[in-house]
């Protein structure tokens, strides 16, 4: 049984291609080719040798499976890769073979290859992450003052707004994008230190070769090698873990809101569709649904449809060439009425695995002296998995949110089903202006108990009892206008207040998103 079958299910074809065996070996070859060119430029080795070495650093010339098999015996993939490269160079230029890997060490090869791959992987993650943030911000803009039921400790709490909830999804993801960039600034650096980090084999030319090598690979040259200084790399991986957690929070909320009992939103059924059908609706019940979210203003719909649709089809096991009209999400064969939240499932699976990956990376930091035994080797698999899961998770939630269907009528019904108990705090505030807080709290508590004790529909709920209380009590009758009491139970007024609370944050998020989009990093 191949573990990758289940690992790959939680990732994307693009990320799997970046982290493919051939891609990994080619990244190591890229290091060796760049090292040879840098040393040739500085004059450490002959230019002819540099050209001979670089010309043979092509993964298609080598038996990948044999290299992988040899790595288990050698304890590092770099050792058989360098050995086989030197053997191949010797076939064409025996003198050049002696200059292969000069002054470097196996950890230099693997760490730098990992940085090169991470740079490509982070570009994939950021592209979809920024797109997802844009989708969420557009969704918030499209639904002002939409009342929803806020829930705390899994129970109905108060009325809030859809925009407020979307902000709680979007802002952490935007911070994740900013955090990844900041962490990448420190982590994506050249690793080149030789046997113990001092580059002693290169003597006075060590610095010149380092700078030339960094220029070849377009990587910053750190102040010293980081063979056993794993803090910056682990910090970057921890940011990926936080991203998985933030995406998992979004997936958890959406999946709960998609439950039949709640039914306030639903993942798109078709694959994609990412732009609304001709009638402008993307729902099963046109009377109670709203149009699907339009593409972000800064993204071409065709590009988004092609990217998300093709990858989502791969997630579902469908051929990429299948017509969009017949790409459907998997339904239960035994229960065809079900519409499973598959995108949320993928994101949640990634979020559940990420903490263990980050914990393993933290424990692998205990590396001995200048180069560690076991910790560095354990680190490699965990960071790769985090990259895989992060992209799978962000792509899954982009697929879900780009075609999300909202049901405002169900949102209203869920609020109404609470028999106005969700306005109890606001009612207390209203009464407290006349009675004082303690008496108001006591009276509202009694009213709530009465509502809860009564059979549903026995009376009009908390509002009716509050109106009766105000009519009986001379103090309240004189001190509270009917309009003021009515405003307490107005869901639109409450939603507008919630919108105002996040309006500044959402406006700043637009600015921050634009800044990231205008300044590509990778």
Protein backbone atom coordinates (compact mmCIF):
# COMPACT_ATOMS: atom_id res chain seq x y z
CA UNK A 1 0.00 0.00 0.00
CA UNK A 2 1.42 3.37 -0.99
CA UNK A 3 1.23 6.03 1.70
CA UNK A 4 1.51 8.67 -1.02
CA UNK A 5 -1.97 7.72 -2.24
CA UNK A 6 -3.38 9.17 0.96
CA UNK A 7 -0.79 11.94 1.28
CA UNK A 8 -1.40 13.07 -2.29
CA UNK A 9 -5.15 13.12 -1.74
CA UNK A 10 -4.60 16.00 0.68
CA UNK A 11 -2.45 18.00 -1.72
CA UNK A 12 -2.65 19.27 -5.30
CA UNK A 13 -1.16 18.08 -8.60
CA UNK A 14 0.99 21.21 -8.82
CA UNK A 15 2.47 20.72 -5.36
CA UNK A 16 3.04 17.03 -5.96
CA UNK A 17 4.91 17.96 -9.12
CA UNK A 18 7.13 20.39 -7.20
CA UNK A 19 7.90 17.74 -4.58
CA UNK A 20 8.20 14.81 -6.98
CA UNK A 21 11.30 12.58 -6.74
CA UNK A 22 12.60 13.86 -10.04
CA UNK A 23 12.02 17.45 -9.00
CA UNK A 24 13.91 16.92 -5.75
CA UNK A 25 16.88 15.33 -7.50
CA UNK A 26 16.86 18.10 -10.12
CA UNK A 27 16.99 20.72 -7.37
CA UNK A 28 20.05 18.97 -5.98
CA UNK A 29 21.55 18.90 -9.44
CA UNK A 30 20.78 22.61 -9.77
CA UNK A 31 22.88 23.20 -6.67
CA UNK A 32 25.78 21.21 -8.08
CA UNK A 33 25.58 22.96 -11.45
CA UNK A 34 25.44 26.37 -9.78
CA UNK A 35 28.37 25.45 -7.51
CA UNK A 36 30.48 24.43 -10.47
CA UNK A 37 29.65 27.61 -12.39
CA UNK A 38 30.34 29.77 -9.33
CA UNK A 39 33.70 28.12 -8.73
CA UNK A 40 34.56 28.41 -12.40
CA UNK A 41 33.69 32.12 -12.36
CA UNK A 42 35.84 32.76 -9.29
CA UNK A 43 38.69 30.64 -10.65
CA UNK A 44 38.63 27.82 -8.11
CA UNK A 45 38.14 25.27 -10.89
CA UNK A 46 38.76 25.49 -14.66
CA UNK A 47 35.91 26.90 -16.73
CA UNK A 48 35.99 23.76 -18.86
CA UNK A 49 35.39 21.62 -15.80
CA UNK A 50 32.54 23.87 -14.68
CA UNK A 51 30.90 23.55 -18.09
CA UNK A 52 31.34 19.78 -18.14
CA UNK A 53 29.79 19.37 -14.68
CA UNK A 54 26.89 21.75 -15.29
CA UNK A 55 26.01 20.13 -18.62
CA UNK A 56 25.42 16.77 -16.91
CA UNK A 57 23.29 18.07 -14.03
CA UNK A 58 20.07 16.93 -15.71
CA UNK A 59 17.84 14.54 -13.87
CA UNK A 60 16.70 12.70 -16.99
CA UNK A 61 20.21 11.28 -17.35
CA UNK A 62 19.97 9.30 -14.12
CA UNK A 63 18.09 6.34 -12.70
CA UNK A 64 15.93 7.95 -10.02
CA UNK A 65 14.84 4.65 -8.49
CA UNK A 66 18.46 3.51 -8.12
CA UNK A 67 19.37 6.80 -6.44
CA UNK A 68 16.47 6.46 -4.01
CA UNK A 69 17.41 2.90 -3.18
CA UNK A 70 21.03 3.88 -2.56
CA UNK A 71 20.02 6.74 -0.28
CA UNK A 72 18.76 4.31 2.35
CA UNK A 73 22.20 2.70 2.54
CA UNK A 74 24.11 5.98 2.47
CA UNK A 75 21.86 7.80 4.93
CA UNK A 76 21.40 10.75 2.58
CA UNK A 77 20.08 11.17 -0.93
CA UNK A 78 22.86 13.68 -1.66
CA UNK A 79 25.59 11.06 -1.38
CA UNK A 80 24.44 8.78 -4.22
CA UNK A 81 23.42 11.80 -6.31
CA UNK A 82 26.89 13.37 -6.06
CA UNK A 83 28.60 10.03 -6.52
CA UNK A 84 26.63 9.22 -9.65
CA UNK A 85 27.17 12.75 -11.00
CA UNK A 86 30.93 12.41 -10.54
CA UNK A 87 30.92 9.01 -12.23
CA UNK A 88 28.98 10.41 -15.19
CA UNK A 89 31.26 13.43 -15.52
CA UNK A 90 34.26 11.10 -15.46
CA UNK A 91 32.93 9.32 -18.54
CA UNK A 92 33.26 12.53 -20.55
CA UNK A 93 35.94 14.52 -18.74
CA UNK A 94 37.97 12.59 -16.14
CA UNK A 95 39.77 15.72 -14.99
CA UNK A 96 36.49 17.59 -14.35
CA UNK A 97 35.15 14.74 -12.22
CA UNK A 98 37.58 15.60 -9.42
CA UNK A 99 35.96 19.04 -9.09
CA UNK A 100 32.40 17.80 -8.55
CA UNK A 101 30.99 18.98 -5.20
CA UNK A 102 34.28 20.66 -4.30
CA UNK A 103 34.27 22.18 -0.81
CA UNK A 104 30.63 21.36 -0.18
CA UNK A 105 28.90 18.74 1.95
CA UNK A 106 25.75 16.63 1.58
CA UNK A 107 23.71 18.85 3.89
CA UNK A 108 24.55 21.87 1.74
CA UNK A 109 23.06 20.07 -1.23
CA UNK A 110 19.88 18.92 0.48
CA UNK A 111 19.19 22.07 2.49
CA UNK A 112 19.65 24.33 -0.52
CA UNK A 113 17.59 22.02 -2.71
CA UNK A 114 14.88 22.15 -0.06
CA UNK A 115 15.00 25.94 -0.10
CA UNK A 116 14.72 26.01 -3.90
CA UNK A 117 11.71 23.69 -3.79
CA UNK A 118 10.11 25.60 -0.92
CA UNK A 119 10.41 28.82 -2.91
CA UNK A 120 8.39 27.27 -5.72
CA UNK A 121 5.95 25.67 -3.30
CA UNK A 122 5.35 28.90 -1.40
CA UNK A 123 4.57 30.66 -4.64
CA UNK A 124 1.80 28.13 -5.28
CA UNK A 125 0.47 28.50 -1.75
CA UNK A 126 0.54 32.28 -1.80
CA UNK A 127 -1.17 32.53 -5.19
CA UNK A 128 -4.16 30.55 -3.97
CA UNK A 129 -4.10 32.07 -0.49
CA UNK A 130 -4.28 35.64 -1.76
CA UNK A 131 -6.99 34.60 -4.18
CA UNK A 132 -8.97 33.07 -1.32
CA UNK A 133 -8.61 36.24 0.76
CA UNK A 134 -9.86 38.26 -2.21
CA UNK A 135 -12.85 35.96 -2.63
CA UNK A 136 -13.73 36.35 1.05
CA UNK A 137 -13.40 40.13 0.97
CA UNK A 138 -15.60 40.31 -2.12
CA UNK A 139 -18.12 38.05 -0.41
CA UNK A 140 -18.18 40.38 2.59
CA UNK A 141 -18.70 43.40 0.37
CA UNK A 142 -21.54 41.69 -1.47
CA UNK A 143 -23.60 41.05 1.68
CA UNK A 144 -23.89 44.14 3.90
CA UNK A 145 -26.08 44.06 6.99
CA UNK A 146 -27.01 40.39 6.56
CA UNK A 147 -28.14 39.13 9.99
CA UNK A 148 -26.87 35.76 11.13
CA UNK A 149 -27.02 33.81 14.34
CA UNK A 150 -23.76 34.03 16.26
CA UNK A 151 -22.92 30.93 18.25
CA UNK A 152 -20.66 30.50 21.26
CA UNK A 153 -19.73 27.16 22.82
CA UNK A 154 -21.82 25.60 20.00
CA UNK A 155 -24.98 27.29 21.26
CA UNK A 156 -27.09 30.13 19.88
CA UNK A 157 -25.77 33.35 21.44
CA UNK A 158 -26.70 36.63 19.76
CA UNK A 159 -27.39 38.13 16.37
CA UNK A 160 -24.35 39.21 14.38
CA UNK A 161 -23.69 39.81 10.68
CA UNK A 162 -22.40 37.70 7.85
CA UNK A 163 -19.78 40.33 7.10
CA UNK A 164 -18.48 40.12 10.66
CA UNK A 165 -18.15 36.34 10.38
CA UNK A 166 -16.43 36.52 7.00
CA UNK A 167 -13.98 39.02 8.46
CA UNK A 168 -13.12 36.48 11.16
CA UNK A 169 -12.24 34.07 8.35
CA UNK A 170 -10.40 36.44 6.04
CA UNK A 171 -8.21 38.45 8.42
CA UNK A 172 -6.29 35.47 9.90
CA UNK A 173 -5.63 34.18 6.38
CA UNK A 174 -4.30 37.56 5.33
CA UNK A 175 -2.03 37.59 8.37
CA UNK A 176 -0.87 34.10 7.38
CA UNK A 177 0.16 35.42 3.97
CA UNK A 178 2.08 38.24 5.63
CA UNK A 179 3.62 35.86 8.17
CA UNK A 180 4.76 33.45 5.48
CA UNK A 181 6.52 36.23 3.61
CA UNK A 182 8.27 37.44 6.73
CA UNK A 183 9.36 33.94 7.72
CA UNK A 184 10.48 33.15 4.18
CA UNK A 185 12.77 36.18 4.21
CA UNK A 186 14.79 34.47 6.92
CA UNK A 187 14.43 30.85 5.88
CA UNK A 188 14.95 30.88 2.12
CA UNK A 189 18.71 31.36 2.19
CA UNK A 190 21.67 29.56 0.72
CA UNK A 191 23.18 26.69 2.71
CA UNK A 192 26.88 26.41 1.97
CA UNK A 193 29.31 25.61 4.73
CA UNK A 194 31.25 22.50 3.84
CA UNK A 195 32.06 19.76 6.30
CA UNK A 196 31.69 21.74 9.55
CA UNK A 197 30.27 25.02 8.28
CA UNK A 198 33.53 26.94 7.91
CA UNK A 199 34.24 26.29 4.19
CA UNK A 200 37.83 25.60 5.16
CA UNK A 201 38.45 23.63 1.95
CA UNK A 202 38.02 26.82 -0.08
CA UNK A 203 40.31 28.94 2.05
CA UNK A 204 40.43 32.62 1.12
CA UNK A 205 38.06 32.07 -1.79
CA UNK A 206 35.22 30.83 0.40
CA UNK A 207 33.39 34.14 0.53
CA UNK A 208 33.73 34.81 -3.19
CA UNK A 209 32.39 31.35 -4.04
CA UNK A 210 29.51 31.80 -1.58
CA UNK A 211 28.47 35.08 -3.14
CA UNK A 212 28.76 33.71 -6.66
CA UNK A 213 26.76 30.61 -5.70
CA UNK A 214 24.04 32.72 -4.10
CA UNK A 215 23.85 34.84 -7.24
CA UNK A 216 23.57 31.75 -9.43
CA UNK A 217 20.65 30.41 -7.40
CA UNK A 218 19.15 33.84 -6.66
CA UNK A 219 19.34 33.14 -2.93
CA UNK A 220 20.55 35.42 -0.13
CA UNK A 221 23.84 34.40 1.46
CA UNK A 222 23.46 34.19 5.27
CA UNK A 223 25.99 35.46 7.77
CA UNK A 224 27.08 31.84 8.37
CA UNK A 225 25.95 28.34 7.53
CA UNK A 226 22.86 27.11 9.35
CA UNK A 227 23.51 23.36 9.43
CA UNK A 228 22.32 23.00 13.02
CA UNK A 229 20.64 26.40 13.39
CA UNK A 230 17.14 25.36 12.38
CA UNK A 231 15.19 28.21 13.95
CA UNK A 232 14.43 30.13 10.77
CA UNK A 233 13.44 27.06 8.81
CA UNK A 234 11.21 25.74 11.60
CA UNK A 235 9.65 29.19 12.01
CA UNK A 236 8.64 29.10 8.35
CA UNK A 237 7.18 25.63 8.79
CA UNK A 238 5.34 26.77 11.91
CA UNK A 239 3.73 29.51 9.81
CA UNK A 240 2.52 26.78 7.46
CA UNK A 241 1.03 24.98 10.45
CA UNK A 242 -0.76 28.17 11.50
CA UNK A 243 -2.07 28.54 7.97
CA UNK A 244 -3.46 25.01 8.08
CA UNK A 245 -5.13 25.82 11.39
CA UNK A 246 -6.69 29.03 10.05
CA UNK A 247 -7.97 27.21 6.99
CA UNK A 248 -9.27 24.47 9.26
CA UNK A 249 -11.23 27.04 11.27
CA UNK A 250 -12.83 28.26 8.04
CA UNK A 251 -13.55 24.69 6.96
CA UNK A 252 -15.03 23.79 10.35
CA UNK A 253 -17.38 26.77 10.32
CA UNK A 254 -18.50 26.23 6.73
CA UNK A 255 -19.08 22.52 7.25
CA UNK A 256 -21.12 23.16 10.40
CA UNK A 257 -23.16 25.86 8.68
CA UNK A 258 -23.76 23.41 5.82
CA UNK A 259 -25.37 20.82 8.09
CA UNK A 260 -28.94 20.01 7.19
CA UNK A 261 -30.12 21.26 10.58
CA UNK A 262 -28.54 24.68 9.98
CA UNK A 263 -28.44 24.99 6.21
CA UNK A 264 -27.13 28.55 5.98
CA UNK A 265 -24.63 27.85 3.20
CA UNK A 266 -23.38 25.04 1.00
CA UNK A 267 -20.31 24.17 -1.01
CA UNK A 268 -20.74 24.31 -4.79
CA UNK A 269 -22.20 21.11 -6.15
CA UNK A 270 -20.82 21.44 -9.65
CA UNK A 271 -17.14 21.54 -10.52
CA UNK A 272 -16.28 24.33 -10.66
CA UNK A 273 -18.61 26.41 -11.51
CA UNK A 274 -16.80 29.52 -10.41
CA UNK A 275 -18.79 32.08 -12.33
CA UNK A 276 -22.59 32.26 -11.93
CA UNK A 277 -24.77 30.39 -14.44
CA UNK A 278 -26.78 32.40 -16.92
CA UNK A 279 -29.64 32.92 -14.48
CA UNK A 280 -27.24 34.29 -11.86
CA UNK A 281 -28.09 31.61 -9.30
CA UNK A 282 -26.03 28.71 -7.99
CA UNK A 283 -28.39 26.92 -5.63
CA UNK A 284 -31.00 24.19 -5.37
CA UNK A 285 -33.68 26.51 -4.02
CA UNK A 286 -33.66 29.77 -6.01
CA UNK A 287 -36.27 31.33 -3.77
CA UNK A 288 -34.08 31.24 -0.69
CA UNK A 289 -30.58 31.51 -2.10
CA UNK A 290 -28.50 34.43 -3.28
CA UNK A 291 -26.27 34.62 -6.36
CA UNK A 292 -22.89 32.93 -6.07
CA UNK A 293 -20.01 35.22 -5.22
CA UNK A 294 -18.54 36.88 -8.33
CA UNK A 295 -14.85 36.47 -9.07
CA UNK A 296 -12.56 38.93 -7.28
CA UNK A 297 -12.19 42.18 -9.16
CA UNK A 298 -8.44 41.65 -9.52
CA UNK A 299 -8.70 38.14 -11.02
CA UNK A 300 -9.73 37.02 -14.48
CA UNK A 301 -12.60 34.54 -14.11
CA UNK A 302 -11.28 32.30 -16.85
CA UNK A 303 -7.94 31.83 -15.11
CA UNK A 304 -9.56 31.03 -11.80
CA UNK A 305 -12.06 28.62 -13.35
CA UNK A 306 -9.35 26.74 -15.20
CA UNK A 307 -7.06 26.43 -12.18
CA UNK A 308 -9.54 25.52 -9.47
CA UNK A 309 -11.72 23.40 -11.71
CA UNK A 310 -8.89 21.23 -12.98
CA UNK A 311 -7.39 20.63 -9.56
CA UNK A 312 -10.73 20.02 -7.90
CA UNK A 313 -11.49 17.44 -10.57
CA UNK A 314 -8.23 15.74 -9.71
CA UNK A 315 -9.22 15.71 -6.02
CA UNK A 316 -12.50 14.03 -6.91
CA UNK A 317 -10.83 11.44 -9.11
CA UNK A 318 -12.27 12.87 -12.34
CA UNK A 319 -10.34 13.32 -15.57
CA UNK A 320 -9.31 16.91 -16.15
CA UNK A 321 -10.77 16.88 -19.66
CA UNK A 322 -14.30 16.04 -18.52
CA UNK A 323 -16.83 18.70 -19.58
CA UNK A 324 -17.58 21.14 -16.79
CA UNK A 325 -21.29 20.45 -17.10
CA UNK A 326 -20.88 16.88 -15.84
CA UNK A 327 -18.31 17.48 -13.14
CA UNK A 328 -20.25 16.80 -9.98
CA UNK A 329 -19.16 16.42 -6.39
CA UNK A 330 -19.42 12.94 -4.97
CA UNK A 331 -22.79 12.16 -3.46
CA UNK A 332 -23.52 9.27 -1.16
CA UNK A 333 -24.51 6.28 -3.32
CA UNK A 334 -26.80 4.95 -0.61
CA UNK A 335 -28.13 8.38 0.36
CA UNK A 336 -28.31 10.45 -2.85
CA UNK A 337 -29.90 13.40 -1.05
CA UNK A 338 -26.60 14.16 0.72
CA UNK A 339 -24.24 16.87 -0.49
CA UNK A 340 -21.01 16.17 1.31
CA UNK A 341 -18.73 19.15 2.08
CA UNK A 342 -15.70 17.56 0.43
CA UNK A 343 -13.58 20.69 0.24
CA UNK A 344 -14.03 21.29 3.96
CA UNK A 345 -13.18 17.66 4.59
CA UNK A 346 -9.84 18.02 2.80
CA UNK A 347 -8.96 21.22 4.66
CA UNK A 348 -9.91 19.69 8.01
CA UNK A 349 -7.82 16.60 7.32
CA UNK A 350 -4.81 18.82 6.65
CA UNK A 351 -5.49 20.91 9.76
CA UNK A 352 -5.64 17.81 11.92
CA UNK A 353 -2.27 16.57 10.68
CA UNK A 354 -0.38 19.88 10.78
CA UNK A 355 0.14 20.13 14.59
CA UNK A 356 2.01 16.83 14.69
CA UNK A 357 4.23 17.97 11.83
CA UNK A 358 5.11 21.22 13.58
CA UNK A 359 5.71 19.41 16.87
CA UNK A 360 8.08 16.97 15.14
CA UNK A 361 9.98 19.90 13.63
CA UNK A 362 10.32 21.55 17.02
CA UNK A 363 11.67 18.36 18.54
CA UNK A 364 14.14 17.96 15.65
CA UNK A 365 15.78 21.29 16.53
CA UNK A 366 17.84 19.58 19.25
CA UNK A 367 20.76 19.01 16.89
CA UNK A 368 24.23 18.27 18.14
CA UNK A 369 27.16 20.64 17.62
CA UNK A 370 27.88 21.71 14.03
CA UNK A 371 25.83 19.02 12.28
CA UNK A 372 23.28 16.80 13.97
CA UNK A 373 22.50 13.10 13.98
CA UNK A 374 18.91 12.16 13.19
CA UNK A 375 17.19 15.48 13.88
CA UNK A 376 17.96 17.06 10.52
CA UNK A 377 17.01 13.86 8.72
CA UNK A 378 13.69 13.66 10.58
CA UNK A 379 12.94 17.27 9.68
CA UNK A 380 12.93 16.71 5.93
CA UNK A 381 9.77 14.60 5.68
CA UNK A 382 7.79 16.83 8.04
CA UNK A 383 8.45 20.06 6.15
CA UNK A 384 7.53 18.41 2.84
CA UNK A 385 4.25 17.18 4.30
CA UNK A 386 3.43 20.66 5.59
CA UNK A 387 3.94 22.14 2.14
CA UNK A 388 1.73 19.45 0.61
CA UNK A 389 -1.04 19.85 3.15
CA UNK A 390 -0.96 23.65 3.13
CA UNK A 391 -1.54 23.88 -0.59
CA UNK A 392 -4.16 21.15 -0.57
CA UNK A 393 -6.01 22.93 2.20
CA UNK A 394 -5.91 26.42 0.69
CA UNK A 395 -6.93 25.11 -2.73
CA UNK A 396 -9.81 23.16 -1.21
CA UNK A 397 -11.18 26.20 0.58
CA UNK A 398 -10.69 28.40 -2.47
CA UNK A 399 -12.79 25.89 -4.40
CA UNK A 400 -15.45 25.97 -1.71
CA UNK A 401 -15.64 29.71 -1.14
CA UNK A 402 -15.41 30.76 -4.80
CA UNK A 403 -18.68 28.96 -5.45
CA UNK A 404 -20.33 29.07 -2.03
CA UNK A 405 -24.13 29.25 -1.95
CA UNK A 406 -25.73 31.34 0.80
CA UNK A 407 -29.25 30.94 2.14
CA UNK A 408 -30.35 34.22 3.81
CA UNK A 409 -33.88 32.92 4.36
CA UNK A 410 -32.48 30.07 6.42
CA UNK A 411 -30.28 32.50 8.34
CA UNK A 412 -33.39 34.50 9.24
CA UNK A 413 -35.32 31.37 10.15
CA UNK A 414 -32.59 30.19 12.49
CA UNK A 415 -32.68 33.55 14.27
CA UNK A 416 -36.45 33.50 14.54
CA UNK A 417 -36.37 29.96 15.92
CA UNK A 418 -34.63 31.27 19.04
CA UNK A 419 -37.87 32.99 20.14
CA UNK A 420 -35.94 36.27 20.54
CA UNK A 421 -33.85 34.94 23.43
CA UNK A 422 -30.73 36.01 21.53
CA UNK A 423 -31.66 39.63 22.28
CA UNK A 424 -31.58 39.13 26.05
CA UNK A 425 -28.36 41.08 26.63
CA UNK A 426 -29.61 44.01 24.56
CA UNK A 427 -32.90 43.94 26.46
CA UNK A 428 -31.02 44.02 29.75
CA UNK A 429 -29.11 47.08 28.56
CA UNK A 430 -32.35 48.78 27.59
CA UNK A 431 -34.07 48.11 30.92
CA UNK A 432 -30.96 48.93 32.94
CA UNK A 433 -31.19 52.59 31.96
CA UNK A 434 -34.40 52.79 33.99
CA UNK A 435 -34.13 50.01 36.59
CA UNK A 436 -30.38 49.65 37.12
CA UNK A 437 -28.33 46.71 35.96
CA UNK A 438 -28.99 44.25 38.78
CA UNK A 439 -32.77 44.53 38.67
CA UNK A 440 -32.76 44.49 34.88
CA UNK A 441 -30.65 41.34 34.79
CA UNK A 442 -32.94 39.64 37.26
CA UNK A 443 -36.11 40.55 35.35
CA UNK A 444 -34.70 39.53 31.94
CA UNK A 445 -33.50 36.26 33.44
CA UNK A 446 -37.04 35.55 34.65
CA UNK A 447 -38.46 36.37 31.24
CA UNK A 448 -35.97 34.02 29.56
CA UNK A 449 -36.88 31.22 31.96
CA UNK A 450 -40.52 31.76 31.14
CA UNK A 451 -39.85 31.55 27.41
CA UNK A 452 -37.78 28.41 27.83
CA UNK A 453 -40.40 26.77 30.03
CA UNK A 454 -43.25 27.49 27.63
CA UNK A 455 -44.02 25.32 24.66
CA UNK A 456 -42.78 26.70 21.39
CA UNK A 457 -45.41 28.96 19.87
CA UNK A 458 -47.24 29.38 23.15
CA UNK A 459 -46.56 33.11 22.98
CA UNK A 460 -44.54 35.50 20.88
CA UNK A 461 -41.28 34.93 22.64
CA UNK A 462 -39.10 37.31 24.63
CA UNK A 463 -40.29 40.46 22.85
CA UNK A 464 -43.94 39.87 23.72
CA UNK A 465 -43.08 39.31 27.39
CA UNK A 466 -40.89 42.41 27.42
CA UNK A 467 -43.70 44.51 25.98
CA UNK A 468 -46.07 43.16 28.62
CA UNK A 469 -43.53 43.96 31.35
CA UNK A 470 -43.12 47.52 30.12
CA UNK A 471 -46.89 47.95 29.96
CA UNK A 472 -47.29 46.77 33.59
CA UNK A 473 -44.37 48.64 35.14
CA UNK A 474 -44.98 52.40 35.40
CA UNK A 475 -41.26 53.13 35.52
CA UNK A 476 -40.60 51.27 32.28
CA UNK A 477 -43.75 52.64 30.65
CA UNK A 478 -42.55 56.16 31.33
CA UNK A 479 -38.85 55.60 30.70
CA UNK A 480 -38.73 53.46 27.51
CA UNK A 481 -40.25 54.49 24.20
CA UNK A 482 -41.93 51.69 22.20
CA UNK A 483 -39.57 52.45 19.31
CA UNK A 484 -36.54 51.97 21.56
CA UNK A 485 -37.85 48.62 22.73
CA UNK A 486 -38.59 47.56 19.15
CA UNK A 487 -35.03 48.45 18.13
CA UNK A 488 -33.70 45.94 20.65
CA UNK A 489 -35.30 43.14 18.61
CA UNK A 490 -34.37 44.46 15.15
CA UNK A 491 -31.91 42.02 13.51
CA UNK A 492 -31.02 44.46 10.75
CA UNK A 493 -29.98 47.09 13.28
CA UNK A 494 -27.83 44.57 15.11
CA UNK A 495 -26.24 43.39 11.83
CA UNK A 496 -25.48 46.97 10.82
CA UNK A 497 -23.71 47.51 14.13
CA UNK A 498 -21.66 44.34 13.60
CA UNK A 499 -20.73 45.52 10.10
CA UNK A 500 -19.54 48.83 11.48
CA UNK A 501 -17.32 47.04 13.96
CA UNK A 502 -15.32 45.42 11.14
CA UNK A 503 -15.60 48.06 8.43
CA UNK A 504 -12.21 49.57 9.24
CA UNK A 505 -10.53 46.18 9.46
CA UNK A 506 -11.95 45.08 6.12
CA UNK A 507 -10.89 48.31 4.45
CA UNK A 508 -7.35 47.85 5.77
CA UNK A 509 -7.39 44.24 4.60
CA UNK A 510 -8.04 45.48 1.06
CA UNK A 511 -5.02 47.74 1.31
CA UNK A 512 -2.83 44.99 2.72
CA UNK A 513 -3.99 42.49 0.09
CA UNK A 514 -3.22 44.95 -2.69
CA UNK A 515 0.24 45.53 -1.24
CA UNK A 516 0.98 41.81 -1.33
CA UNK A 517 -0.35 41.45 -4.85
CA UNK A 518 1.65 44.43 -6.09
CA UNK A 519 4.90 43.11 -4.62
CA UNK A 520 5.42 39.47 -5.60
CA UNK A 521 8.11 37.83 -3.51
CA UNK A 522 8.86 34.51 -5.16
